Amino acid sequence: MNIDFNGYGENVATFIADSSLTETGVPVKMSGDGTVAKCGGNELFCGVCVGLRGGYAAVQLNGYVRLPAGAKIEPGFKKLGVNSDGKIVVNTPGRELLVLDSTATEVGFIL
């Protein structure tokens, strides 16, 4: 693709990192007051962990993100969730988000 959406509308907030959150670049969910945890299968995500340090997580809550996908997802508004492998998939109870681009292994969308 000849265009890049990185940086569009990015909004990041700091949360307490649950012990299950050990890596960046993964979808996260709220797990307690001001605390986020790594998403498991069929869970709704609130954002993407973009940084971890000292028990805190920087979580991108808005803007363009590119994450591993379970399969190619067609562009447009889709209900997205996380499968048991932590990959983004179309999921009926998911969040309706705008998919901009996708391959068989990655998907780019606006949070």
Protein backbone atom coordinates (compact mmCIF):
# COMPACT_ATOMS: atom_id res chain seq x y z
CA MET A 1 0.00 0.00 0.00
CA ASN A 2 1.37 3.43 -0.92
CA ILE A 3 -0.12 5.36 1.99
CA ASP A 4 0.44 5.28 5.74
CA PHE A 5 -2.15 5.91 8.47
CA ASN A 6 0.32 5.78 11.42
CA GLY A 7 -0.14 8.64 13.85
CA TYR A 8 -3.75 9.37 12.90
CA GLY A 9 -5.72 10.45 15.99
CA GLU A 10 -3.45 8.66 18.47
CA ASN A 11 -4.47 8.98 22.10
CA VAL A 12 -2.53 7.14 24.80
CA ALA A 13 -3.27 6.87 28.53
CA THR A 14 -1.32 5.28 31.39
CA PHE A 15 -2.85 2.40 33.37
CA ILE A 16 -1.66 -0.07 36.00
CA ALA A 17 -0.51 -3.25 34.22
CA ASP A 18 -2.07 -6.49 35.42
CA SER A 19 0.41 -9.38 35.86
CA SER A 20 -0.99 -11.02 32.67
CA LEU A 21 0.30 -8.09 30.59
CA THR A 22 3.93 -8.88 29.77
CA GLU A 23 4.34 -7.60 26.21
CA THR A 24 3.49 -4.63 24.02
CA GLY A 25 1.51 -4.68 20.80
CA VAL A 26 -1.38 -6.68 22.24
CA PRO A 27 -5.06 -5.85 22.73
CA VAL A 28 -5.97 -5.10 26.35
CA LYS A 29 -9.14 -5.02 28.45
CA MET A 30 -10.05 -3.32 31.70
CA SER A 31 -9.46 -5.72 34.60
CA GLY A 32 -10.02 -3.42 37.58
CA ASP A 33 -9.99 0.21 38.62
CA GLY A 34 -7.36 1.87 36.41
CA THR A 35 -5.91 -1.54 35.54
CA VAL A 36 -5.58 -3.30 32.18
CA ALA A 37 -4.86 -6.94 31.31
CA LYS A 38 -4.08 -8.86 28.14
CA CYS A 39 -7.22 -9.95 26.26
CA GLY A 40 -8.09 -13.61 25.93
CA GLY A 41 -10.38 -15.38 23.48
CA ASN A 42 -13.76 -13.77 22.75
CA GLU A 43 -13.06 -10.77 24.98
CA LEU A 44 -13.68 -7.15 24.03
CA PHE A 45 -10.62 -4.92 23.99
CA CYS A 46 -10.43 -1.25 24.99
CA GLY A 47 -7.08 -0.48 23.38
CA VAL A 48 -3.59 -1.67 22.53
CA CYS A 49 -0.61 -1.79 24.90
CA VAL A 50 2.13 0.34 23.32
CA GLY A 51 4.50 0.51 26.29
CA LEU A 52 5.29 -1.24 29.60
CA ARG A 53 7.51 -0.02 32.41
CA GLY A 54 7.59 -0.38 36.18
CA GLY A 55 4.17 -1.99 36.49
CA TYR A 56 2.45 0.57 34.26
CA ALA A 57 1.08 0.24 30.73
CA ALA A 58 0.77 2.92 28.06
CA VAL A 59 -2.44 2.06 26.20
CA GLN A 60 -3.46 3.52 22.86
CA LEU A 61 -7.19 4.19 23.10
CA ASN A 62 -7.75 6.00 19.79
CA GLY A 63 -6.19 6.22 16.37
CA TYR A 64 -4.81 3.85 13.76
CA VAL A 65 -3.33 0.52 14.89
CA ARG A 66 -2.00 -2.50 13.02
CA LEU A 67 -2.22 -5.86 14.78
CA PRO A 68 -1.96 -9.57 13.98
CA ALA A 69 -5.15 -10.92 12.37
CA GLY A 70 -6.67 -14.38 12.40
CA ALA A 71 -7.62 -13.99 8.72
CA LYS A 72 -8.06 -11.29 6.09
CA ILE A 73 -10.79 -8.83 7.09
CA GLU A 74 -12.58 -6.79 4.44
CA PRO A 75 -12.40 -2.97 4.77
CA GLY A 76 -15.29 -1.06 6.31
CA PHE A 77 -17.02 -1.05 9.68
CA LYS A 78 -16.66 -4.49 11.28
CA LYS A 79 -17.28 -5.87 14.76
CA LEU A 80 -13.81 -6.86 15.95
CA GLY A 81 -12.71 -9.02 18.84
CA VAL A 82 -9.78 -11.17 19.92
CA ASN A 83 -9.50 -14.92 19.33
CA SER A 84 -7.84 -17.44 21.66
CA ASP A 85 -4.48 -16.77 19.96
CA GLY A 86 -4.73 -13.04 20.74
CA LYS A 87 -5.34 -12.15 17.08
CA ILE A 88 -7.96 -9.73 15.78
CA VAL A 89 -10.99 -11.38 14.16
CA VAL A 90 -14.51 -10.43 13.13
CA ASN A 91 -16.60 -11.22 16.18
CA THR A 92 -20.35 -10.64 16.66
CA PRO A 93 -20.08 -9.30 20.23
CA GLY A 94 -17.05 -7.22 19.17
CA ARG A 95 -16.53 -3.45 18.94
CA GLU A 96 -17.61 -1.88 15.66
CA LEU A 97 -14.45 -0.32 14.25
CA LEU A 98 -13.31 0.96 10.87
CA VAL A 99 -11.00 -1.51 9.09
CA LEU A 100 -8.75 0.34 6.63
CA ASP A 101 -6.48 -2.41 5.34
CA SER A 102 -5.82 -6.09 5.90
CA THR A 103 -3.73 -9.07 4.81
CA ALA A 104 -4.08 -12.71 5.84
CA THR A 105 -1.86 -12.02 8.87
CA GLU A 106 -2.39 -8.32 9.83
CA VAL A 107 -5.20 -5.81 10.04
CA GLY A 108 -5.09 -2.02 10.28
CA PHE A 109 -8.05 -0.22 11.85
CA ILE A 110 -9.12 2.92 13.70
CA LEU A 111 -9.80 2.46 17.43
